[in-house]
Amino acid sequence: LIKAEIHEWKDGAEMERVLLQIIDRISREEINSNSAKLFSADCKL
């Protein structure tokens, strides 16, 4: 029923680790996406 990706945590230490891993993952995906867009635009030019 949950559309979002689920990542559980049990205490503060695990919360920090999981949260920062997700942030890092999203940031990397955004960088890769922007790089792909730039590459596509460059190829088009």
All heavy atoms as atom14 arrays in JSON, in Angstrom:
{
  "sequence": "LIKAEIHEWKDGAEMERVLLQIIDRISREEINSNSAKLFSADCKL",
  "atom14_mask": [
    [1, 1, 1, 1, 1, 1, 1, 1, 0, 0, 0, 0, 0, 0],
    [1, 1, 1, 1, 1, 1, 1, 1, 0, 0, 0, 0, 0, 0],
    [1, 1, 1, 1, 1, 1, 1, 1, 1, 0, 0, 0, 0, 0],
    [1, 1, 1, 1, 1, 0, 0, 0, 0, 0, 0, 0, 0, 0],
    [1, 1, 1, 1, 1, 1, 1, 1, 1, 0, 0, 0, 0, 0],
    [1, 1, 1, 1, 1, 1, 1, 1, 0, 0, 0, 0, 0, 0],
    [1, 1, 1, 1, 1, 1, 1, 1, 1, 1, 0, 0, 0, 0],
    [1, 1, 1, 1, 1, 1, 1, 1, 1, 0, 0, 0, 0, 0],
    [1, 1, 1, 1, 1, 1, 1, 1, 1, 1, 1, 1, 1, 1],
    [1, 1, 1, 1, 1, 1, 1, 1, 1, 0, 0, 0, 0, 0],
    [1, 1, 1, 1, 1, 1, 1, 1, 0, 0, 0, 0, 0, 0],
    [1, 1, 1, 1, 0, 0, 0, 0, 0, 0, 0, 0, 0, 0],
    [1, 1, 1, 1, 1, 0, 0, 0, 0, 0, 0, 0, 0, 0],
    [1, 1, 1, 1, 1, 1, 1, 1, 1, 0, 0, 0, 0, 0],
    [1, 1, 1, 1, 1, 1, 1, 1, 0, 0, 0, 0, 0, 0],
    [1, 1, 1, 1, 1, 1, 1, 1, 1, 0, 0, 0, 0, 0],
    [1, 1, 1, 1, 1, 1, 1, 1, 1, 1, 1, 0, 0, 0],
    [1, 1, 1, 1, 1, 1, 1, 0, 0, 0, 0, 0, 0, 0],
    [1, 1, 1, 1, 1, 1, 1, 1, 0, 0, 0, 0, 0, 0],
    [1, 1, 1, 1, 1, 1, 1, 1, 0, 0, 0, 0, 0, 0],
    [1, 1, 1, 1, 1, 1, 1, 1, 1, 0, 0, 0, 0, 0],
    [1, 1, 1, 1, 1, 1, 1, 1, 0, 0, 0, 0, 0, 0],
    [1, 1, 1, 1, 1, 1, 1, 1, 0, 0, 0, 0, 0, 0],
    [1, 1, 1, 1, 1, 1, 1, 1, 0, 0, 0, 0, 0, 0],
    [1, 1, 1, 1, 1, 1, 1, 1, 1, 1, 1, 0, 0, 0],
    [1, 1, 1, 1, 1, 1, 1, 1, 0, 0, 0, 0, 0, 0],
    [1, 1, 1, 1, 1, 1, 0, 0, 0, 0, 0, 0, 0, 0],
    [1, 1, 1, 1, 1, 1, 1, 1, 1, 1, 1, 0, 0, 0],
    [1, 1, 1, 1, 1, 1, 1, 1, 1, 0, 0, 0, 0, 0],
    [1, 1, 1, 1, 1, 1, 1, 1, 1, 0, 0, 0, 0, 0],
    [1, 1, 1, 1, 1, 1, 1, 1, 0, 0, 0, 0, 0, 0],
    [1, 1, 1, 1, 1, 1, 1, 1, 0, 0, 0, 0, 0, 0],
    [1, 1, 1, 1, 1, 1, 0, 0, 0, 0, 0, 0, 0, 0],
    [1, 1, 1, 1, 1, 1, 1, 1, 0, 0, 0, 0, 0, 0],
    [1, 1, 1, 1, 1, 1, 0, 0, 0, 0, 0, 0, 0, 0],
    [1, 1, 1, 1, 1, 0, 0, 0, 0, 0, 0, 0, 0, 0],
    [1, 1, 1, 1, 1, 1, 1, 1, 1, 0, 0, 0, 0, 0],
    [1, 1, 1, 1, 1, 1, 1, 1, 0, 0, 0, 0, 0, 0],
    [1, 1, 1, 1, 1, 1, 1, 1, 1, 1, 1, 0, 0, 0],
    [1, 1, 1, 1, 1, 1, 0, 0, 0, 0, 0, 0, 0, 0],
    [1, 1, 1, 1, 1, 0, 0, 0, 0, 0, 0, 0, 0, 0],
    [1, 1, 1, 1, 1, 1, 1, 1, 0, 0, 0, 0, 0, 0],
    [1, 1, 1, 1, 1, 1, 0, 0, 0, 0, 0, 0, 0, 0],
    [1, 1, 1, 1, 1, 1, 1, 1, 1, 0, 0, 0, 0, 0],
    [1, 1, 1, 1, 1, 1, 1, 1, 0, 0, 0, 0, 0, 0]
  ],
  "atom14_positions": [
    [[0.83, -1.21, 0.0], [0.0, 0.0, 0.0], [0.86, 1.26, 0.0], [0.38, 2.34, -0.32], [-0.93, 0.01, 1.21], [-2.05, -1.04, 1.24], [-2.82, -0.94, 2.55], [-2.98, -0.86, 0.04], [0.0, 0.0, 0.0], [0.0, 0.0, 0.0], [0.0, 0.0, 0.0], [0.0, 0.0, 0.0], [0.0, 0.0, 0.0], [0.0, 0.0, 0.0]],
    [[2.12, 1.12, 0.38], [3.04, 2.26, 0.44], [3.78, 2.37, -0.89], [4.51, 1.47, -1.29], [4.06, 2.09, 1.59], [3.34, 1.78, 2.91], [4.92, 3.34, 1.71], [2.4, 2.85, 3.39], [0.0, 0.0, 0.0], [0.0, 0.0, 0.0], [0.0, 0.0, 0.0], [0.0, 0.0, 0.0], [0.0, 0.0, 0.0], [0.0, 0.0, 0.0]],
    [[3.58, 3.48, -1.58], [4.26, 3.7, -2.87], [5.73, 4.07, -2.67], [6.58, 3.77, -3.51], [3.56, 4.81, -3.66], [2.12, 4.53, -4.03], [1.56, 5.67, -4.89], [0.08, 5.47, -5.2], [-0.76, 5.76, -4.03], [0.0, 0.0, 0.0], [0.0, 0.0, 0.0], [0.0, 0.0, 0.0], [0.0, 0.0, 0.0], [0.0, 0.0, 0.0]],
    [[6.04, 4.74, -1.57], [7.41, 5.18, -1.31], [8.31, 3.99, -0.98], [7.84, 2.92, -0.57], [7.43, 6.18, -0.15], [0.0, 0.0, 0.0], [0.0, 0.0, 0.0], [0.0, 0.0, 0.0], [0.0, 0.0, 0.0], [0.0, 0.0, 0.0], [0.0, 0.0, 0.0], [0.0, 0.0, 0.0], [0.0, 0.0, 0.0], [0.0, 0.0, 0.0]],
    [[9.61, 4.2, -1.14], [10.59, 3.17, -0.77], [10.72, 3.16, 0.75], [10.87, 4.21, 1.38], [11.93, 3.5, -1.42], [12.88, 2.32, -1.49], [14.08, 2.61, -2.38], [13.87, 2.82, -3.6], [15.21, 2.63, -1.86], [0.0, 0.0, 0.0], [0.0, 0.0, 0.0], [0.0, 0.0, 0.0], [0.0, 0.0, 0.0], [0.0, 0.0, 0.0]],
    [[10.67, 1.98, 1.35], [10.64, 1.86, 2.82], [12.02, 1.48, 3.36], [12.63, 0.52, 2.9], [9.6, 0.79, 3.25], [8.21, 1.16, 2.73], [9.59, 0.65, 4.77], [7.19, 0.04, 2.86], [0.0, 0.0, 0.0], [0.0, 0.0, 0.0], [0.0, 0.0, 0.0], [0.0, 0.0, 0.0], [0.0, 0.0, 0.0], [0.0, 0.0, 0.0]],
    [[12.49, 2.25, 4.34], [13.77, 1.98, 5.01], [13.56, 2.12, 6.51], [13.39, 3.24, 7.01], [14.86, 2.95, 4.53], [15.23, 2.79, 3.1], [16.31, 2.04, 2.7], [14.66, 3.28, 1.97], [16.4, 2.08, 1.37], [15.4, 2.82, 0.91], [0.0, 0.0, 0.0], [0.0, 0.0, 0.0], [0.0, 0.0, 0.0], [0.0, 0.0, 0.0]],
    [[13.57, 1.02, 7.24], [13.31, 1.09, 8.68], [14.56, 1.49, 9.46], [15.68, 1.42, 8.96], [12.78, -0.26, 9.19], [13.82, -1.37, 9.24], [13.92, -2.15, 7.94], [13.37, -1.72, 6.93], [14.61, -3.21, 7.96], [0.0, 0.0, 0.0], [0.0, 0.0, 0.0], [0.0, 0.0, 0.0], [0.0, 0.0, 0.0], [0.0, 0.0, 0.0]],
    [[14.36, 1.88, 10.7], [15.45, 2.21, 11.61], [14.99, 1.89, 13.03], [13.8, 1.89, 13.32], [15.83, 3.7, 11.5], [14.69, 4.64, 11.76], [13.68, 4.97, 10.9], [14.41, 5.35, 12.98], [12.8, 5.84, 11.49], [13.22, 6.1, 12.76], [15.06, 5.44, 14.22], [12.67, 6.91, 13.74], [14.5, 6.25, 15.2], [13.33, 6.99, 14.96]],
    [[15.93, 1.61, 13.93], [15.54, 1.19, 15.28], [15.95, 2.18, 16.37], [15.36, 2.2, 17.45], [16.09, -0.2, 15.59], [17.59, -0.3, 15.68], [18.01, -1.72, 16.04], [19.51, -1.86, 16.24], [20.29, -1.6, 15.03], [0.0, 0.0, 0.0], [0.0, 0.0, 0.0], [0.0, 0.0, 0.0], [0.0, 0.0, 0.0], [0.0, 0.0, 0.0]],
    [[17.02, 2.97, 16.14], [17.48, 3.91, 17.16], [18.16, 5.1, 16.47], [18.23, 5.17, 15.24], [18.44, 3.23, 18.15], [19.63, 2.58, 17.46], [20.02, 3.01, 16.35], [20.2, 1.63, 18.03], [0.0, 0.0, 0.0], [0.0, 0.0, 0.0], [0.0, 0.0, 0.0], [0.0, 0.0, 0.0], [0.0, 0.0, 0.0], [0.0, 0.0, 0.0]],
    [[18.67, 6.02, 17.28], [19.26, 7.22, 16.73], [20.44, 6.97, 15.82], [20.61, 7.64, 14.79], [0.0, 0.0, 0.0], [0.0, 0.0, 0.0], [0.0, 0.0, 0.0], [0.0, 0.0, 0.0], [0.0, 0.0, 0.0], [0.0, 0.0, 0.0], [0.0, 0.0, 0.0], [0.0, 0.0, 0.0], [0.0, 0.0, 0.0], [0.0, 0.0, 0.0]],
    [[21.27, 6.0, 16.19], [22.45, 5.69, 15.38], [22.03, 5.18, 14.0], [22.59, 5.58, 12.97], [23.32, 4.65, 16.09], [0.0, 0.0, 0.0], [0.0, 0.0, 0.0], [0.0, 0.0, 0.0], [0.0, 0.0, 0.0], [0.0, 0.0, 0.0], [0.0, 0.0, 0.0], [0.0, 0.0, 0.0], [0.0, 0.0, 0.0], [0.0, 0.0, 0.0]],
    [[21.04, 4.28, 13.98], [20.59, 3.74, 12.7], [19.81, 4.8, 11.92], [19.89, 4.84, 10.68], [19.73, 2.5, 12.92], [19.5, 1.72, 11.64], [18.97, 0.32, 11.88], [18.28, 0.1, 12.91], [19.24, -0.54, 11.03], [0.0, 0.0, 0.0], [0.0, 0.0, 0.0], [0.0, 0.0, 0.0], [0.0, 0.0, 0.0], [0.0, 0.0, 0.0]],
    [[19.07, 5.66, 12.6], [18.38, 6.74, 11.91], [19.37, 7.59, 11.14], [19.18, 7.9, 9.95], [17.61, 7.63, 12.88], [16.96, 8.83, 12.17], [16.82, 10.3, 13.18], [15.32, 9.96, 14.07], [0.0, 0.0, 0.0], [0.0, 0.0, 0.0], [0.0, 0.0, 0.0], [0.0, 0.0, 0.0], [0.0, 0.0, 0.0], [0.0, 0.0, 0.0]],
    [[20.45, 8.0, 11.81], [21.44, 8.84, 11.16], [22.05, 8.14, 9.95], [22.15, 8.72, 8.86], [22.55, 9.23, 12.14], [23.62, 10.1, 11.51], [24.72, 10.47, 12.49], [25.14, 9.61, 13.28], [25.17, 11.65, 12.46], [0.0, 0.0, 0.0], [0.0, 0.0, 0.0], [0.0, 0.0, 0.0], [0.0, 0.0, 0.0], [0.0, 0.0, 0.0]],
    [[22.44, 6.89, 10.12], [23.08, 6.16, 9.03], [22.15, 6.01, 7.83], [22.53, 6.3, 6.69], [23.52, 4.77, 9.51], [24.15, 3.91, 8.42], [24.59, 2.57, 8.97], [23.49, 1.78, 9.5], [22.64, 1.1, 8.75], [22.74, 1.11, 7.42], [21.67, 0.38, 9.31], [0.0, 0.0, 0.0], [0.0, 0.0, 0.0], [0.0, 0.0, 0.0]],
    [[20.91, 5.58, 8.08], [19.96, 5.36, 6.98], [19.58, 6.67, 6.3], [19.55, 6.77, 5.07], [18.7, 4.63, 7.5], [17.65, 4.53, 6.4], [19.06, 3.24, 8.02], [0.0, 0.0, 0.0], [0.0, 0.0, 0.0], [0.0, 0.0, 0.0], [0.0, 0.0, 0.0], [0.0, 0.0, 0.0], [0.0, 0.0, 0.0], [0.0, 0.0, 0.0]],
    [[19.31, 7.7, 7.1], [18.91, 9.0, 6.53], [20.01, 9.55, 5.63], [19.74, 9.99, 4.5], [18.59, 9.98, 7.65], [18.24, 11.41, 7.21], [17.03, 11.43, 6.3], [18.02, 12.31, 8.44], [0.0, 0.0, 0.0], [0.0, 0.0, 0.0], [0.0, 0.0, 0.0], [0.0, 0.0, 0.0], [0.0, 0.0, 0.0], [0.0, 0.0, 0.0]],
    [[21.24, 9.54, 6.1], [22.33, 10.11, 5.3], [22.63, 9.27, 4.07], [23.03, 9.81, 3.03], [23.59, 10.28, 6.17], [23.44, 11.27, 7.34], [24.76, 11.44, 8.07], [22.92, 12.62, 6.86], [0.0, 0.0, 0.0], [0.0, 0.0, 0.0], [0.0, 0.0, 0.0], [0.0, 0.0, 0.0], [0.0, 0.0, 0.0], [0.0, 0.0, 0.0]],
    [[22.42, 7.96, 4.16], [22.58, 7.1, 2.98], [21.55, 7.45, 1.91], [21.87, 7.52, 0.72], [22.43, 5.63, 3.37], [23.66, 5.03, 4.04], [23.46, 3.59, 4.45], [22.34, 3.06, 4.42], [24.54, 2.92, 4.85], [0.0, 0.0, 0.0], [0.0, 0.0, 0.0], [0.0, 0.0, 0.0], [0.0, 0.0, 0.0], [0.0, 0.0, 0.0]],
    [[20.31, 7.68, 2.33], [19.25, 8.03, 1.37], [19.55, 9.39, 0.73], [19.41, 9.57, -0.49], [17.87, 8.04, 2.06], [17.49, 6.62, 2.5], [16.81, 8.6, 1.11], [16.21, 6.57, 3.33], [0.0, 0.0, 0.0], [0.0, 0.0, 0.0], [0.0, 0.0, 0.0], [0.0, 0.0, 0.0], [0.0, 0.0, 0.0], [0.0, 0.0, 0.0]],
    [[19.95, 10.35, 1.56], [20.28, 11.69, 1.03], [21.4, 11.59, 0.01], [21.35, 12.19, -1.07], [20.65, 12.65, 2.17], [19.42, 12.94, 3.05], [21.21, 13.96, 1.61], [19.74, 13.69, 4.33], [0.0, 0.0, 0.0], [0.0, 0.0, 0.0], [0.0, 0.0, 0.0], [0.0, 0.0, 0.0], [0.0, 0.0, 0.0], [0.0, 0.0, 0.0]],
    [[22.43, 10.8, 0.34], [23.56, 10.62, -0.57], [23.11, 9.96, -1.87], [23.52, 10.37, -2.97], [24.64, 9.77, 0.1], [25.85, 9.55, -0.79], [26.55, 10.53, -1.09], [26.08, 8.39, -1.22], [0.0, 0.0, 0.0], [0.0, 0.0, 0.0], [0.0, 0.0, 0.0], [0.0, 0.0, 0.0], [0.0, 0.0, 0.0], [0.0, 0.0, 0.0]],
    [[22.26, 8.97, -1.75], [21.76, 8.27, -2.94], [20.96, 9.21, -3.85], [21.17, 9.23, -5.06], [20.89, 7.09, -2.52], [20.2, 6.37, -3.67], [19.39, 5.22, -3.13], [18.41, 4.75, -4.1], [17.51, 3.81, -3.84], [17.49, 3.24, -2.65], [16.64, 3.45, -4.75], [0.0, 0.0, 0.0], [0.0, 0.0, 0.0], [0.0, 0.0, 0.0]],
    [[20.05, 9.99, -3.25], [19.25, 10.93, -4.04], [20.16, 11.95, -4.73], [19.98, 12.28, -5.91], [18.21, 11.65, -3.16], [17.18, 10.66, -2.62], [17.5, 12.75, -3.95], [16.24, 11.25, -1.58], [0.0, 0.0, 0.0], [0.0, 0.0, 0.0], [0.0, 0.0, 0.0], [0.0, 0.0, 0.0], [0.0, 0.0, 0.0], [0.0, 0.0, 0.0]],
    [[21.16, 12.44, -3.99], [22.07, 13.43, -4.54], [22.86, 12.86, -5.71], [23.06, 13.54, -6.73], [23.02, 13.94, -3.45], [22.31, 14.56, -2.4], [0.0, 0.0, 0.0], [0.0, 0.0, 0.0], [0.0, 0.0, 0.0], [0.0, 0.0, 0.0], [0.0, 0.0, 0.0], [0.0, 0.0, 0.0], [0.0, 0.0, 0.0], [0.0, 0.0, 0.0]],
    [[23.33, 11.62, -5.57], [24.09, 10.98, -6.66], [23.2, 10.78, -7.89], [23.65, 10.99, -9.02], [24.65, 9.64, -6.19], [25.81, 9.77, -5.21], [26.27, 8.39, -4.72], [27.33, 8.51, -3.75], [28.63, 8.63, -4.05], [29.0, 8.67, -5.32], [29.53, 8.73, -3.09], [0.0, 0.0, 0.0], [0.0, 0.0, 0.0], [0.0, 0.0, 0.0]],
    [[21.96, 10.36, -7.65], [21.04, 10.16, -8.77], [20.78, 11.47, -9.49], [20.69, 11.52, -10.72], [19.73, 9.56, -8.27], [19.84, 8.1, -7.84], [18.57, 7.58, -7.19], [17.67, 8.39, -6.93], [18.49, 6.36, -6.94], [0.0, 0.0, 0.0], [0.0, 0.0, 0.0], [0.0, 0.0, 0.0], [0.0, 0.0, 0.0], [0.0, 0.0, 0.0]],
    [[20.69, 12.55, -8.72], [20.45, 13.87, -9.3], [21.66, 14.31, -10.13], [21.51, 14.87, -11.22], [20.17, 14.89, -8.18], [19.7, 16.24, -8.67], [18.29, 16.22, -9.22], [17.55, 15.26, -8.96], [17.95, 17.17, -9.94], [0.0, 0.0, 0.0], [0.0, 0.0, 0.0], [0.0, 0.0, 0.0], [0.0, 0.0, 0.0], [0.0, 0.0, 0.0]],
    [[22.86, 14.06, -9.61], [24.08, 14.4, -10.34], [24.16, 13.62, -11.65], [24.45, 14.17, -12.71], [25.34, 14.12, -9.48], [25.42, 15.11, -8.32], [26.61, 14.18, -10.33], [26.46, 14.77, -7.29], [0.0, 0.0, 0.0], [0.0, 0.0, 0.0], [0.0, 0.0, 0.0], [0.0, 0.0, 0.0], [0.0, 0.0, 0.0], [0.0, 0.0, 0.0]],
    [[23.88, 12.31, -11.57], [23.92, 11.47, -12.78], [22.88, 11.91, -13.8], [23.13, 11.93, -15.0], [23.69, 10.0, -12.4], [24.85, 9.41, -11.62], [25.97, 9.92, -11.7], [24.6, 8.36, -10.86], [0.0, 0.0, 0.0], [0.0, 0.0, 0.0], [0.0, 0.0, 0.0], [0.0, 0.0, 0.0], [0.0, 0.0, 0.0], [0.0, 0.0, 0.0]],
    [[21.69, 12.27, -13.29], [20.63, 12.73, -14.18], [21.01, 14.03, -14.87], [20.82, 14.19, -16.08], [19.34, 12.93, -13.39], [18.32, 13.49, -14.19], [0.0, 0.0, 0.0], [0.0, 0.0, 0.0], [0.0, 0.0, 0.0], [0.0, 0.0, 0.0], [0.0, 0.0, 0.0], [0.0, 0.0, 0.0], [0.0, 0.0, 0.0], [0.0, 0.0, 0.0]],
    [[21.59, 14.96, -14.12], [22.03, 16.24, -14.7], [23.15, 16.04, -15.7], [23.2, 16.7, -16.74], [22.46, 17.2, -13.6], [21.29, 17.72, -12.78], [20.16, 17.7, -13.24], [21.56, 18.18, -11.57], [0.0, 0.0, 0.0], [0.0, 0.0, 0.0], [0.0, 0.0, 0.0], [0.0, 0.0, 0.0], [0.0, 0.0, 0.0], [0.0, 0.0, 0.0]],
    [[24.07, 15.1, -15.37], [25.18, 14.8, -16.29], [24.65, 14.23, -17.6], [25.12, 14.58, -18.68], [26.15, 13.81, -15.64], [26.75, 14.37, -14.49], [0.0, 0.0, 0.0], [0.0, 0.0, 0.0], [0.0, 0.0, 0.0], [0.0, 0.0, 0.0], [0.0, 0.0, 0.0], [0.0, 0.0, 0.0], [0.0, 0.0, 0.0], [0.0, 0.0, 0.0]],
    [[23.65, 13.34, -17.48], [23.06, 12.75, -18.67], [22.38, 13.81, -19.53], [22.47, 13.79, -20.76], [22.07, 11.66, -18.27], [0.0, 0.0, 0.0], [0.0, 0.0, 0.0], [0.0, 0.0, 0.0], [0.0, 0.0, 0.0], [0.0, 0.0, 0.0], [0.0, 0.0, 0.0], [0.0, 0.0, 0.0], [0.0, 0.0, 0.0], [0.0, 0.0, 0.0]],
    [[21.69, 14.75, -18.87], [21.02, 15.83, -19.6], [22.04, 16.72, -20.31], [21.84, 17.12, -21.45], [20.17, 16.65, -18.64], [18.93, 15.93, -18.12], [18.19, 16.78, -17.1], [17.0, 16.04, -16.53], [16.32, 16.83, -15.48], [0.0, 0.0, 0.0], [0.0, 0.0, 0.0], [0.0, 0.0, 0.0], [0.0, 0.0, 0.0], [0.0, 0.0, 0.0]],
    [[23.15, 17.02, -19.61], [24.19, 17.85, -20.22], [24.84, 17.15, -21.4], [25.12, 17.75, -22.43], [25.26, 18.21, -19.17], [24.84, 19.22, -18.11], [25.91, 19.32, -17.02], [24.62, 20.59, -18.74], [0.0, 0.0, 0.0], [0.0, 0.0, 0.0], [0.0, 0.0, 0.0], [0.0, 0.0, 0.0], [0.0, 0.0, 0.0], [0.0, 0.0, 0.0]],
    [[25.07, 15.83, -21.23], [25.67, 15.04, -22.31], [24.75, 15.01, -23.53], [25.18, 15.17, -24.67], [25.94, 13.61, -21.82], [26.54, 12.71, -22.88], [27.86, 12.83, -23.24], [25.74, 11.75, -23.51], [28.41, 12.0, -24.22], [26.27, 10.93, -24.48], [27.61, 11.06, -24.84], [0.0, 0.0, 0.0], [0.0, 0.0, 0.0], [0.0, 0.0, 0.0]],
    [[23.45, 14.82, -23.26], [22.47, 14.78, -24.34], [22.41, 16.12, -25.06], [22.37, 16.18, -26.29], [21.1, 14.42, -23.78], [20.12, 14.47, -24.79], [0.0, 0.0, 0.0], [0.0, 0.0, 0.0], [0.0, 0.0, 0.0], [0.0, 0.0, 0.0], [0.0, 0.0, 0.0], [0.0, 0.0, 0.0], [0.0, 0.0, 0.0], [0.0, 0.0, 0.0]],
    [[22.43, 17.2, -24.28], [22.39, 18.54, -24.88], [23.65, 18.81, -25.69], [23.59, 19.41, -26.77], [22.22, 19.59, -23.78], [0.0, 0.0, 0.0], [0.0, 0.0, 0.0], [0.0, 0.0, 0.0], [0.0, 0.0, 0.0], [0.0, 0.0, 0.0], [0.0, 0.0, 0.0], [0.0, 0.0, 0.0], [0.0, 0.0, 0.0], [0.0, 0.0, 0.0]],
    [[24.79, 18.36, -25.16], [26.06, 18.56, -25.87], [26.08, 17.81, -27.19], [26.53, 18.33, -28.22], [27.22, 18.1, -24.97], [28.57, 18.45, -25.56], [28.78, 19.62, -25.91], [29.41, 17.54, -25.69], [0.0, 0.0, 0.0], [0.0, 0.0, 0.0], [0.0, 0.0, 0.0], [0.0, 0.0, 0.0], [0.0, 0.0, 0.0], [0.0, 0.0, 0.0]],
    [[25.59, 16.56, -27.15], [25.51, 15.76, -28.37], [24.61, 16.42, -29.41], [24.91, 16.43, -30.61], [24.99, 14.36, -28.05], [26.17, 13.33, -27.16], [0.0, 0.0, 0.0], [0.0, 0.0, 0.0], [0.0, 0.0, 0.0], [0.0, 0.0, 0.0], [0.0, 0.0, 0.0], [0.0, 0.0, 0.0], [0.0, 0.0, 0.0], [0.0, 0.0, 0.0]],
    [[23.51, 16.99, -28.93], [22.58, 17.65, -29.83], [23.22, 18.87, -30.5], [23.07, 19.1, -31.7], [21.33, 18.07, -29.06], [20.22, 18.66, -29.94], [18.98, 18.95, -29.12], [17.88, 19.51, -30.01], [16.65, 19.82, -29.21], [0.0, 0.0, 0.0], [0.0, 0.0, 0.0], [0.0, 0.0, 0.0], [0.0, 0.0, 0.0], [0.0, 0.0, 0.0]],
    [[24.0, 19.63, -29.7], [24.68, 20.8, -30.24], [25.73, 20.4, -31.28], [25.89, 21.04, -32.32], [25.35, 21.59, -29.11], [24.41, 22.41, -28.21], [25.17, 22.97, -27.03], [23.77, 23.54, -29.03], [0.0, 0.0, 0.0], [0.0, 0.0, 0.0], [0.0, 0.0, 0.0], [0.0, 0.0, 0.0], [0.0, 0.0, 0.0], [0.0, 0.0, 0.0]]
  ]
}
